[in-house]
C-alpha atoms as a PDB file:
ATOM      1  CA  MET A   1      15.643  13.980 -16.501  1.00  0.00           C
ATOM      2  CA  ASP A   2      19.250  13.058 -15.571  1.00  0.00           C
ATOM      3  CA  ARG A   3      17.965  11.996 -12.172  1.00  0.00           C
ATOM      4  CA  TYR A   4      15.936   9.196 -13.783  1.00  0.00           C
ATOM      5  CA  SER A   5      18.338   8.400 -16.628  1.00  0.00           C
ATOM      6  CA  ARG A   6      18.979   4.792 -15.576  1.00  0.00           C
ATOM      7  CA  GLN A   7      15.267   4.141 -15.218  1.00  0.00           C
ATOM      8  CA  ALA A   8      14.425   5.805 -18.525  1.00  0.00           C
ATOM      9  CA  LEU A   9      16.965   3.555 -20.274  1.00  0.00           C
ATOM     10  CA  LEU A  10      14.709   0.588 -19.605  1.00  0.00           C
ATOM     11  CA  THR A  11      12.673  -0.381 -22.651  1.00  0.00           C
ATOM     12  CA  GLU A  12       9.790  -1.111 -20.270  1.00  0.00           C
ATOM     13  CA  ILE A  13       9.688   2.576 -19.282  1.00  0.00           C
ATOM     14  CA  GLY A  14      11.662   4.858 -21.596  1.00  0.00           C
ATOM     15  CA  THR A  15      11.641   8.656 -21.601  1.00  0.00           C
ATOM     16  CA  THR A  16       7.963   8.764 -22.544  1.00  0.00           C
ATOM     17  CA  GLY A  17       7.051   6.466 -19.685  1.00  0.00           C
ATOM     18  CA  GLN A  18       9.105   8.523 -17.259  1.00  0.00           C
ATOM     19  CA  LYS A  19       7.192  11.654 -18.228  1.00  0.00           C
ATOM     20  CA  ILE A  20       3.924   9.789 -17.658  1.00  0.00           C
ATOM     21  CA  LEU A  21       5.019   8.753 -14.157  1.00  0.00           C
ATOM     22  CA  GLN A  22       5.874  12.343 -13.305  1.00  0.00           C
ATOM     23  CA  GLN A  23       2.248  13.307 -14.004  1.00  0.00           C
ATOM     24  CA  LYS A  24       0.677  10.617 -11.813  1.00  0.00           C
ATOM     25  CA  THR A  25      -0.685  10.690  -8.257  1.00  0.00           C
ATOM     26  CA  VAL A  26      -0.526   7.610  -6.036  1.00  0.00           C
ATOM     27  CA  ALA A  27      -2.227   7.233  -2.658  1.00  0.00           C
ATOM     28  CA  LEU A  28      -0.620   4.994  -0.045  1.00  0.00           C
ATOM     29  CA  VAL A  29      -2.921   3.854   2.740  1.00  0.00           C
ATOM     30  CA  GLY A  30      -0.740   2.861   5.672  1.00  0.00           C
ATOM     31  CA  ILE A  31       2.811   4.122   6.183  1.00  0.00           C
ATOM     32  CA  GLY A  32       4.278   1.170   8.022  1.00  0.00           C
ATOM     33  CA  ALA A  33       6.444  -1.744   6.944  1.00  0.00           C
ATOM     34  CA  LEU A  34       4.989  -1.889   3.430  1.00  0.00           C
ATOM     35  CA  GLY A  35       4.090   1.777   3.056  1.00  0.00           C
ATOM     36  CA  THR A  36       7.492   3.217   3.936  1.00  0.00           C
ATOM     37  CA  VAL A  37       9.282   1.029   1.400  1.00  0.00           C
ATOM     38  CA  SER A  38       6.676   1.548  -1.326  1.00  0.00           C
ATOM     39  CA  ALA A  39       6.639   5.302  -0.756  1.00  0.00           C
ATOM     40  CA  GLU A  40      10.428   5.533  -0.933  1.00  0.00           C
ATOM     41  CA  LEU A  41      10.587   3.492  -4.142  1.00  0.00           C
ATOM     42  CA  LEU A  42       7.894   5.641  -5.762  1.00  0.00           C
ATOM     43  CA  ALA A  43       9.611   8.843  -4.663  1.00  0.00           C
ATOM     44  CA  ARG A  44      12.912   7.709  -6.129  1.00  0.00           C
ATOM     45  CA  ALA A  45      11.124   6.619  -9.322  1.00  0.00           C
ATOM     46  CA  GLY A  46       9.834  10.160  -9.814  1.00  0.00           C
ATOM     47  CA  LEU A  47       6.098   9.847  -9.261  1.00  0.00           C
ATOM     48  CA  GLY A  48       4.486  13.256  -9.507  1.00  0.00           C
ATOM     49  CA  LYS A  49       2.563  13.215  -6.236  1.00  0.00           C
ATOM     50  CA  LEU A  50       2.229  10.889  -3.263  1.00  0.00           C
ATOM     51  CA  LEU A  51      -0.746  10.996  -0.897  1.00  0.00           C
ATOM     52  CA  LEU A  52       0.203   9.486   2.465  1.00  0.00           C
ATOM     53  CA  ILE A  53      -2.561   8.311   4.812  1.00  0.00           C
ATOM     54  CA  ASP A  54      -1.836   6.947   8.294  1.00  0.00           C
ATOM     55  CA  ARG A  55      -3.324   7.667  11.741  1.00  0.00           C
ATOM     56  CA  ASP A  56      -0.492   6.152  13.780  1.00  0.00           C
ATOM     57  CA  VAL A  57       2.722   7.337  15.438  1.00  0.00           C
ATOM     58  CA  VAL A  58       6.199   5.812  15.237  1.00  0.00           C
ATOM     59  CA  GLU A  59       6.948   3.237  17.947  1.00  0.00           C
ATOM     60  CA  LEU A  60      10.214   1.548  18.866  1.00  0.00           C
ATOM     61  CA  SER A  61       9.025  -1.842  17.553  1.00  0.00           C
ATOM     62  CA  ASN A  62       8.430  -0.251  14.128  1.00  0.00           C
ATOM     63  CA  LEU A  63      12.127   0.395  13.535  1.00  0.00           C
ATOM     64  CA  GLN A  64      12.862  -3.275  12.823  1.00  0.00           C
ATOM     65  CA  ARG A  65      11.126  -2.986   9.438  1.00  0.00           C
ATOM     66  CA  GLN A  66       9.762   0.508   8.710  1.00  0.00           C
ATOM     67  CA  SER A  67      12.578   1.896   6.627  1.00  0.00           C
ATOM     68  CA  LEU A  68      11.969   5.658   6.632  1.00  0.00           C
ATOM     69  CA  PHE A  69      11.982   6.032  10.414  1.00  0.00           C
ATOM     70  CA  THR A  70      14.804   6.336  12.956  1.00  0.00           C
ATOM     71  CA  GLU A  71      15.047   6.548  16.749  1.00  0.00           C
ATOM     72  CA  ARG A  72      14.661  10.326  16.521  1.00  0.00           C
ATOM     73  CA  ASP A  73      11.183   9.852  15.055  1.00  0.00           C
ATOM     74  CA  LEU A  74       9.678   7.970  18.010  1.00  0.00           C
ATOM     75  CA  GLU A  75       6.187   9.224  18.988  1.00  0.00           C
ATOM     76  CA  LYS A  76       5.977  11.391  15.855  1.00  0.00           C
ATOM     77  CA  GLY A  77       3.133  11.008  13.356  1.00  0.00           C
ATOM     78  CA  LYS A  78       4.016   8.540  10.616  1.00  0.00           C
ATOM     79  CA  ALA A  79       2.470  10.449   7.709  1.00  0.00           C
ATOM     80  CA  GLU A  80       4.126  13.794   8.480  1.00  0.00           C
ATOM     81  CA  THR A  81       7.470  12.177   9.319  1.00  0.00           C
ATOM     82  CA  ALA A  82       7.450  10.155   6.106  1.00  0.00           C
ATOM     83  CA  LYS A  83       6.636  13.285   4.103  1.00  0.00           C
ATOM     84  CA  GLU A  84       9.652  15.053   5.576  1.00  0.00           C
ATOM     85  CA  LYS A  85      11.953  12.127   4.744  1.00  0.00           C
ATOM     86  CA  LEU A  86      10.595  11.681   1.208  1.00  0.00           C
ATOM     87  CA  LYS A  87      11.053  15.361   0.376  1.00  0.00           C
ATOM     88  CA  LYS A  88      14.704  15.032   1.375  1.00  0.00           C
ATOM     89  CA  ILE A  89      15.033  12.052  -0.963  1.00  0.00           C
ATOM     90  CA  ASN A  90      13.348  13.813  -3.880  1.00  0.00           C
ATOM     91  CA  SER A  91      12.506  17.512  -3.595  1.00  0.00           C
ATOM     92  CA  GLU A  92      11.008  17.511  -7.101  1.00  0.00           C
ATOM     93  CA  ILE A  93       7.912  15.506  -6.183  1.00  0.00           C
ATOM     94  CA  GLU A  94       4.834  16.613  -4.255  1.00  0.00           C
ATOM     95  CA  VAL A  95       3.982  14.811  -1.024  1.00  0.00           C
ATOM     96  CA  GLU A  96       0.756  15.288   0.943  1.00  0.00           C
ATOM     97  CA  ALA A  97       0.486  13.904   4.479  1.00  0.00           C
ATOM     98  CA  ASN A  98      -2.882  12.987   6.000  1.00  0.00           C
ATOM     99  CA  SER A  99      -2.721  11.931   9.652  1.00  0.00           C
ATOM    100  CA  VAL A 100      -6.235  10.502   9.720  1.00  0.00           C
ATOM    101  CA  HIS A 101      -7.991   7.175  10.006  1.00  0.00           C
ATOM    102  CA  LEU A 102      -9.308   6.159   6.589  1.00  0.00           C
ATOM    103  CA  ASN A 103     -12.983   5.275   6.951  1.00  0.00           C
ATOM    104  CA  TYR A 104     -16.308   5.790   5.193  1.00  0.00           C
ATOM    105  CA  GLU A 105     -16.220   9.482   6.181  1.00  0.00           C
ATOM    106  CA  THR A 106     -12.663  10.245   4.984  1.00  0.00           C
ATOM    107  CA  ILE A 107     -12.562   7.990   1.907  1.00  0.00           C
ATOM    108  CA  SER A 108     -12.872  11.057  -0.357  1.00  0.00           C
ATOM    109  CA  LEU A 109      -9.132  11.578   0.184  1.00  0.00           C
ATOM    110  CA  LEU A 110      -8.627   8.960  -2.527  1.00  0.00           C
ATOM    111  CA  GLU A 111     -10.466  10.951  -5.209  1.00  0.00           C
ATOM    112  CA  LYS A 112      -7.283  12.663  -6.398  1.00  0.00           C
ATOM    113  CA  ALA A 113      -5.334   9.420  -6.851  1.00  0.00           C
ATOM    114  CA  ASP A 114      -4.701   7.705 -10.182  1.00  0.00           C
ATOM    115  CA  LEU A 115      -3.816   4.535  -8.262  1.00  0.00           C
ATOM    116  CA  ILE A 116      -4.192   3.368  -4.669  1.00  0.00           C
ATOM    117  CA  LEU A 117      -1.712   1.157  -2.828  1.00  0.00           C
ATOM    118  CA  ASP A 118      -2.990  -0.871   0.101  1.00  0.00           C
ATOM    119  CA  CYS A 119      -0.223  -0.882   2.694  1.00  0.00           C
ATOM    120  CA  THR A 120      -2.563  -1.165   5.640  1.00  0.00           C
ATOM    121  CA  ASP A 121      -2.662  -3.770   8.372  1.00  0.00           C
ATOM    122  CA  ASN A 122      -6.343  -4.654   8.680  1.00  0.00           C
ATOM    123  CA  LEU A 123      -9.031  -6.258   6.580  1.00  0.00           C
ATOM    124  CA  VAL A 124     -11.765  -3.706   7.239  1.00  0.00           C
ATOM    125  CA  THR A 125      -9.775  -0.863   5.674  1.00  0.00           C
ATOM    126  CA  ARG A 126      -8.951  -3.112   2.729  1.00  0.00           C
ATOM    127  CA  PHE A 127     -12.638  -3.884   2.186  1.00  0.00           C
ATOM    128  CA  LEU A 128     -13.350  -0.151   2.370  1.00  0.00           C
ATOM    129  CA  ILE A 129     -10.725   0.541  -0.313  1.00  0.00           C
ATOM    130  CA  ASN A 130     -12.117  -2.339  -2.349  1.00  0.00           C
ATOM    131  CA  ASP A 131     -15.683  -0.979  -2.222  1.00  0.00           C
ATOM    132  CA  TYR A 132     -14.524   2.532  -3.096  1.00  0.00           C
ATOM    133  CA  CYS A 133     -12.412   1.425  -6.056  1.00  0.00           C
ATOM    134  CA  LYS A 134     -15.085  -0.959  -7.332  1.00  0.00           C
ATOM    135  CA  LYS A 135     -17.733   1.752  -7.204  1.00  0.00           C
ATOM    136  CA  ASN A 136     -15.521   4.407  -8.801  1.00  0.00           C
ATOM    137  CA  SER A 137     -13.684   2.169 -11.315  1.00  0.00           C
ATOM    138  CA  LYS A 138     -10.264   2.847  -9.819  1.00  0.00           C
ATOM    139  CA  SER A 139      -7.281   0.510  -9.835  1.00  0.00           C
ATOM    140  CA  TRP A 140      -5.523  -0.498  -6.642  1.00  0.00           C
ATOM    141  CA  VAL A 141      -2.884  -2.964  -5.476  1.00  0.00           C
ATOM    142  CA  TYR A 142      -3.569  -5.185  -2.473  1.00  0.00           C
ATOM    143  CA  SER A 143      -0.587  -6.204  -0.365  1.00  0.00           C
ATOM    144  CA  ALA A 144      -0.095  -7.937   2.963  1.00  0.00           C
ATOM    145  CA  ALA A 145       2.826  -9.428   4.863  1.00  0.00           C
ATOM    146  CA  ILE A 146       2.858 -11.495   8.039  1.00  0.00           C
ATOM    147  CA  GLY A 147       5.399 -13.892   9.474  1.00  0.00           C
ATOM    148  CA  THR A 148       7.721 -14.842   6.614  1.00  0.00           C
ATOM    149  CA  SER A 149       5.243 -14.617   3.747  1.00  0.00           C
ATOM    150  CA  GLY A 150       3.131 -12.082   1.904  1.00  0.00           C
ATOM    151  CA  TYR A 151       0.578 -11.478  -0.821  1.00  0.00           C
ATOM    152  CA  VAL A 152       0.216  -8.965  -3.642  1.00  0.00           C
ATOM    153  CA  MET A 153      -2.556  -8.584  -6.213  1.00  0.00           C
ATOM    154  CA  PRO A 154      -3.461  -5.878  -8.728  1.00  0.00           C
ATOM    155  CA  ILE A 155      -7.210  -5.215  -8.603  1.00  0.00           C
ATOM    156  CA  LEU A 156      -8.507  -3.538 -11.735  1.00  0.00           C
ATOM    157  CA  PRO A 157     -11.876  -2.147 -12.877  1.00  0.00           C
ATOM    158  CA  GLY A 158     -14.095  -4.829 -14.390  1.00  0.00           C
ATOM    159  CA  GLY A 159     -12.117  -7.711 -12.908  1.00  0.00           C
ATOM    160  CA  PRO A 160     -12.234  -9.794  -9.728  1.00  0.00           C
ATOM    161  CA  CYS A 161     -11.894  -7.922  -6.461  1.00  0.00           C
ATOM    162  CA  LEU A 162     -10.648  -8.569  -2.942  1.00  0.00           C
ATOM    163  CA  ARG A 163     -13.979  -9.932  -1.730  1.00  0.00           C
ATOM    164  CA  CYS A 164     -13.956 -12.531  -4.490  1.00  0.00           C
ATOM    165  CA  PHE A 165     -11.357 -14.469  -2.484  1.00  0.00           C
ATOM    166  CA  LEU A 166     -11.192 -12.998   1.033  1.00  0.00           C
ATOM    167  CA  GLU A 167     -13.905 -13.417   3.653  1.00  0.00           C
ATOM    168  CA  GLU A 168     -14.685 -11.218   6.624  1.00  0.00           C
ATOM    169  CA  ALA A 169     -12.704 -12.472   9.601  1.00  0.00           C
ATOM    170  CA  ASN A 170     -10.169 -11.548  12.233  1.00  0.00           C
ATOM    171  CA  LEU A 171      -6.728 -12.023  10.707  1.00  0.00           C
ATOM    172  CA  ASP A 172      -3.338 -12.340  12.343  1.00  0.00           C
ATOM    173  CA  THR A 173      -1.285  -9.172  12.675  1.00  0.00           C
ATOM    174  CA  CYS A 174       2.463  -8.636  12.893  1.00  0.00           C
ATOM    175  CA  ASP A 175       1.934  -7.440  16.475  1.00  0.00           C
ATOM    176  CA  THR A 176       0.657 -10.878  17.493  1.00  0.00           C
ATOM    177  CA  VAL A 177       2.472 -13.252  15.105  1.00  0.00           C
ATOM    178  CA  GLY A 178       5.573 -11.289  14.128  1.00  0.00           C
ATOM    179  CA  VAL A 179       7.044 -10.404  10.756  1.00  0.00           C
ATOM    180  CA  LEU A 180      10.422 -10.764   9.033  1.00  0.00           C
ATOM    181  CA  ASN A 181      11.684  -7.470   7.635  1.00  0.00           C
ATOM    182  CA  THR A 182      12.930  -9.043   4.413  1.00  0.00           C
ATOM    183  CA  ILE A 183       9.413 -10.146   3.441  1.00  0.00           C
ATOM    184  CA  THR A 184       7.955  -6.661   3.842  1.00  0.00           C
ATOM    185  CA  VAL A 185      10.661  -5.222   1.585  1.00  0.00           C
ATOM    186  CA  SER A 186      10.084  -7.949  -1.017  1.00  0.00           C
ATOM    187  CA  ILE A 187       6.306  -7.538  -1.008  1.00  0.00           C
ATOM    188  CA  ALA A 188       6.575  -3.746  -1.241  1.00  0.00           C
ATOM    189  CA  ALA A 189       8.970  -4.068  -4.195  1.00  0.00           C
ATOM    190  CA  LEU A 190       6.517  -6.328  -6.017  1.00  0.00           C
ATOM    191  CA  GLN A 191       3.661  -3.962  -5.206  1.00  0.00           C
ATOM    192  CA  VAL A 192       5.515  -0.964  -6.647  1.00  0.00           C
ATOM    193  CA  THR A 193       6.505  -2.910  -9.772  1.00  0.00           C
ATOM    194  CA  LEU A 194       2.839  -3.721 -10.414  1.00  0.00           C
ATOM    195  CA  ALA A 195       1.946  -0.102  -9.683  1.00  0.00           C
ATOM    196  CA  LEU A 196       4.394   1.171 -12.304  1.00  0.00           C
ATOM    197  CA  LYS A 197       2.977  -1.254 -14.879  1.00  0.00           C
ATOM    198  CA  ILE A 198      -0.578  -0.100 -14.188  1.00  0.00           C
ATOM    199  CA  LEU A 199       0.347   3.590 -14.330  1.00  0.00           C
ATOM    200  CA  LEU A 200       2.146   3.056 -17.638  1.00  0.00           C
ATOM    201  CA  GLY A 201      -0.824   1.204 -19.123  1.00  0.00           C
ATOM    202  CA  LYS A 202       1.001  -2.116 -19.381  1.00  0.00           C
ATOM    203  CA  GLU A 203      -0.944  -5.383 -19.396  1.00  0.00           C
ATOM    204  CA  THR A 204      -1.566  -6.586 -15.855  1.00  0.00           C
ATOM    205  CA  GLU A 205      -3.385  -9.796 -14.956  1.00  0.00           C
ATOM    206  CA  PRO A 206      -5.581 -10.387 -11.869  1.00  0.00           C
ATOM    207  CA  ILE A 207      -3.101 -12.769 -10.278  1.00  0.00           C
ATOM    208  CA  LEU A 208      -2.621 -13.208  -6.533  1.00  0.00           C
ATOM    209  CA  HIS A 209       1.111 -13.489  -5.890  1.00  0.00           C
ATOM    210  CA  HIS A 210       2.192 -15.381  -2.757  1.00  0.00           C
ATOM    211  CA  TYR A 211       5.796 -15.420  -1.597  1.00  0.00           C
ATOM    212  CA  ASP A 212       7.289 -17.197   1.413  1.00  0.00           C
ATOM    213  CA  ILE A 213      10.776 -15.766   1.645  1.00  0.00           C
ATOM    214  CA  TRP A 214      11.958 -18.097   4.422  1.00  0.00           C
ATOM    215  CA  ASN A 215      11.123 -21.258   2.498  1.00  0.00           C
ATOM    216  CA  HIS A 216      11.843 -19.725  -0.922  1.00  0.00           C
ATOM    217  CA  GLU A 217       8.363 -20.581  -2.215  1.00  0.00           C
ATOM    218  CA  TYR A 218       6.590 -18.472  -4.819  1.00  0.00           C
ATOM    219  CA  LYS A 219       3.091 -19.160  -6.091  1.00  0.00           C
ATOM    220  CA  LYS A 220       0.705 -17.452  -8.497  1.00  0.00           C
ATOM    221  CA  LEU A 221      -3.033 -17.948  -8.212  1.00  0.00           C
ATOM    222  CA  ILE A 222      -5.443 -16.826 -10.918  1.00  0.00           C
ATOM    223  CA  ILE A 223      -8.427 -15.148  -9.257  1.00  0.00           C
ATOM    224  CA  LYS A 224     -11.840 -15.214 -10.907  1.00  0.00           C
ATOM    225  CA  THR A 225     -14.915 -13.120 -10.181  1.00  0.00           C
ATOM    226  CA  LYS A 226     -17.109 -14.721  -7.534  1.00  0.00           C
ATOM    227  CA  LYS A 227     -20.789 -14.808  -8.523  1.00  0.00           C
ATOM    228  CA  ASP A 228     -22.070 -13.861  -5.083  1.00  0.00           C
ATOM    229  CA  CYS A 229     -19.337 -11.299  -4.315  1.00  0.00           C
ATOM    230  CA  PRO A 230     -21.070  -8.346  -2.580  1.00  0.00           C
ATOM    231  CA  ALA A 231     -18.840  -5.676  -4.123  1.00  0.00           C
ATOM    232  CA  CYS A 232     -19.093  -7.089  -7.651  1.00  0.00           C
ATOM    233  CA  ASN A 233     -22.880  -7.046  -7.159  1.00  0.00           C
ATOM    234  CA  LYS A 234     -22.706  -3.366  -6.174  1.00  0.00           C
ATOM    235  CA  LYS A 235     -23.358  -3.894  -2.466  1.00  0.00           C
ATOM    236  CA  PHE A 236     -20.847  -1.414  -1.099  1.00  0.00           C
ATOM    237  CA  THR A 237     -21.548  -1.922   2.599  1.00  0.00           C
ATOM    238  CA  TYR A 238     -18.204  -0.571   3.801  1.00  0.00           C
ATOM    239  CA  LEU A 239     -18.867   2.820   2.201  1.00  0.00           C
ATOM    240  CA  ASN A 240     -22.055   3.282   4.189  1.00  0.00           C
ATOM    241  CA  GLU A 241     -21.301   1.917   7.647  1.00  0.00           C
ATOM    242  CA  PRO A 242     -18.679   2.375  10.357  1.00  0.00           C
ATOM    243  CA  GLU A 243     -16.122  -0.427  10.203  1.00  0.00           C
ATOM    244  CA  ASN A 244     -16.585  -1.380  13.842  1.00  0.00           C
ATOM    245  CA  LYS A 245     -19.230   0.205  16.074  1.00  0.00           C
ATOM    246  CA  ILE A 246     -17.548   2.000  18.957  1.00  0.00           C
ATOM    247  CA  LEU A 247     -18.956   3.253  22.262  1.00  0.00           C
ATOM    248  CA  ARG A 248     -17.195   5.263  24.956  1.00  0.00           C
ATOM    249  CA  PHE A 249     -17.739   4.629  28.654  1.00  0.00           C
ATOM    250  CA  CYS A 250     -16.830   8.000  30.139  1.00  0.00           C
ATOM    251  CA  ALA A 251     -16.516   6.954  33.773  1.00  0.00           C
ATOM    252  CA  SER A 252     -14.084   4.110  33.163  1.00  0.00           C
ATOM    253  CA  GLY A 253     -12.118   5.545  30.255  1.00  0.00           C
ATOM    254  CA  LYS A 254     -12.891   2.423  28.247  1.00  0.00           C
ATOM    255  CA  TYR A 255     -14.101   2.002  24.680  1.00  0.00           C
ATOM    256  CA  GLN A 256     -16.245  -0.826  23.365  1.00  0.00           C
ATOM    257  CA  ILE A 257     -15.636  -1.903  19.784  1.00  0.00           C
ATOM    258  CA  GLN A 258     -17.996  -4.384  18.175  1.00  0.00           C
ATOM    259  CA  GLY A 259     -16.154  -6.537  15.673  1.00  0.00           C
ATOM    260  CA  PRO A 260     -16.813  -9.884  13.997  1.00  0.00           C
ATOM    261  CA  LYS A 261     -16.983 -13.064  16.079  1.00  0.00           C
ATOM    262  CA  PRO A 262     -13.365 -13.972  16.902  1.00  0.00           C
ATOM    263  CA  ASP A 263     -11.429 -17.207  16.995  1.00  0.00           C
ATOM    264  CA  LEU A 264     -10.644 -16.954  20.704  1.00  0.00           C
ATOM    265  CA  LYS A 265      -8.396 -20.015  20.746  1.00  0.00           C
ATOM    266  CA  LYS A 266      -6.181 -18.602  18.006  1.00  0.00           C
ATOM    267  CA  ILE A 267      -6.094 -15.110  19.479  1.00  0.00           C
ATOM    268  CA  LYS A 268      -5.240 -16.507  22.918  1.00  0.00           C
ATOM    269  CA  SER A 269      -2.338 -18.461  21.438  1.00  0.00           C
ATOM    270  CA  ASN A 270      -1.037 -15.328  19.698  1.00  0.00           C
ATOM    271  CA  TRP A 271      -1.341 -13.181  22.806  1.00  0.00           C
ATOM    272  CA  GLN A 272       0.457 -15.747  24.951  1.00  0.00           C
ATOM    273  CA  GLN A 273       3.556 -15.171  22.829  1.00  0.00           C
ATOM    274  CA  LEU A 274       3.520 -11.550  24.016  1.00  0.00           C
ATOM    275  CA  GLY A 275       2.641 -11.844  27.687  1.00  0.00           C
ATOM    276  CA  GLU A 276       0.167 -13.026  30.293  1.00  0.00           C
ATOM    277  CA  VAL A 277      -3.385 -13.774  29.142  1.00  0.00           C
ATOM    278  CA  ILE A 278      -6.355 -14.238  31.481  1.00  0.00           C
ATOM    279  CA  ASP A 279      -9.027 -16.625  30.202  1.00  0.00           C
ATOM    280  CA  ASP A 280     -12.083 -16.767  32.476  1.00  0.00           C
ATOM    281  CA  GLY A 281     -14.167 -18.825  30.070  1.00  0.00           C
ATOM    282  CA  VAL A 282     -16.195 -15.779  29.036  1.00  0.00           C
ATOM    283  CA  THR A 283     -13.519 -13.304  27.996  1.00  0.00           C
ATOM    284  CA  LEU A 284      -9.851 -13.082  27.133  1.00  0.00           C
ATOM    285  CA  GLN A 285      -7.917 -10.334  28.901  1.00  0.00           C
ATOM    286  CA  PHE A 286      -4.555  -9.065  27.705  1.00  0.00           C
ATOM    287  CA  LYS A 287      -2.944  -5.766  28.671  1.00  0.00           C
ATOM    288  CA  SER A 288      -5.684  -3.123  28.182  1.00  0.00           C
ATOM    289  CA  VAL A 289      -7.968  -5.390  26.122  1.00  0.00           C
ATOM    290  CA  MET A 290     -10.924  -7.532  27.188  1.00  0.00           C
ATOM    291  CA  LEU A 291     -12.328  -9.606  24.307  1.00  0.00           C
ATOM    292  CA  PHE A 292     -15.748 -11.310  24.406  1.00  0.00           C
ATOM    293  CA  LYS A 293     -16.975 -14.349  22.486  1.00  0.00           C
ATOM    294  CA  ASP A 294     -19.464 -12.256  20.473  1.00  0.00           C
ATOM    295  CA  GLY A 295     -16.726  -9.990  19.107  1.00  0.00           C
ATOM    296  CA  ARG A 296     -17.087  -7.134  21.585  1.00  0.00           C
ATOM    297  CA  ALA A 297     -13.827  -5.693  22.858  1.00  0.00           C
ATOM    298  CA  LEU A 298     -13.436  -3.407  25.859  1.00  0.00           C
ATOM    299  CA  ILE A 299     -10.279  -1.358  25.551  1.00  0.00           C
ATOM    300  CA  LYS A 300      -8.826   1.090  28.046  1.00  0.00           C
ATOM    301  CA  ALA A 301      -7.432   3.983  26.019  1.00  0.00           C
ATOM    302  CA  GLY A 302      -7.004   7.729  26.084  1.00  0.00           C
ATOM    303  CA  SER A 303      -9.000   8.365  22.921  1.00  0.00           C
ATOM    304  CA  GLU A 304     -11.125   6.667  20.286  1.00  0.00           C
ATOM    305  CA  GLU A 305      -8.190   6.734  17.865  1.00  0.00           C
ATOM    306  CA  GLU A 306      -5.926   5.045  20.410  1.00  0.00           C
ATOM    307  CA  ALA A 307      -8.610   2.406  21.042  1.00  0.00           C
ATOM    308  CA  ARG A 308      -8.874   1.668  17.318  1.00  0.00           C
ATOM    309  CA  ILE A 309      -5.093   1.370  17.031  1.00  0.00           C
ATOM    310  CA  ILE A 310      -4.945  -1.079  19.956  1.00  0.00           C
ATOM    311  CA  TYR A 311      -7.821  -3.091  18.482  1.00  0.00           C
ATOM    312  CA  SER A 312      -6.112  -3.248  15.100  1.00  0.00           C
ATOM    313  CA  LYS A 313      -2.821  -4.397  16.624  1.00  0.00           C
ATOM    314  CA  TYR A 314      -4.053  -7.113  18.923  1.00  0.00           C
ATOM    315  CA  ILE A 315      -7.290  -8.352  17.369  1.00  0.00           C
ATOM    316  CA  GLY A 316      -6.710  -7.738  13.691  1.00  0.00           C
ATOM    317  CA  ASN A 317      -9.535  -5.674  12.197  1.00  0.00           C
END
């Protein structure tokens, strides 16, 4: 208990609260800018078990903001690498690494978790988590960071959910717009604080927190249940369907992913910040991606997983 003595001194936690935390299991979906910081904070706080879920590998551009990784970790799996680092930080906790893509087939990984932290980078996975938690009455904490600002919201059983205020769409990603590393740390810290409150049974309101760290602006928005929200009306579509239909063209080594109709003008502007974009009036072409007006994307990749990763980075879902 000496390890957590300063934390246990807090009246908000105490020795009883510390013992509760040591019995809890938290799942972190996404071990990137948000996930590495949140996982480290939870490990140092003495959470009993952490479930890490991430399909990706460490890239050089990750090191600007993903705190657990170093240059020696390049091309290594994020989940396994994070597990190794977290066990060195706190050998007393249990850490389970899952190097998989979370989808409607692998969602059962979350069954063991008392709380789920959304540290992912795409809306489809968030809607999947939302459907799962709504159906199974589990609490989770939504978080997102892009540019210089971010959002955090605790989503609790019986209350408003993510689909009460977020629509299906292609969102910006840090790969196309950029992200300041101080905002990811700040958002992760707020996410973990809310997580600790939920795990300890403290009162937590369904408030969407928005913070722009560059302009020093902080806002709180009270979210209410939307009458026609699909998830609140028990229409859990993301639990029953693939997030984006994908086809493989064997001869060309390309994959076709069918996503929602994109905002081509916005995506083109984002891509132009990264390199040359070809716009032929029918498609946008950038690196290994060809994007059509109807949402179809042709991606040259070595595997389906690689195609999904490229899609997530450059298109958003």
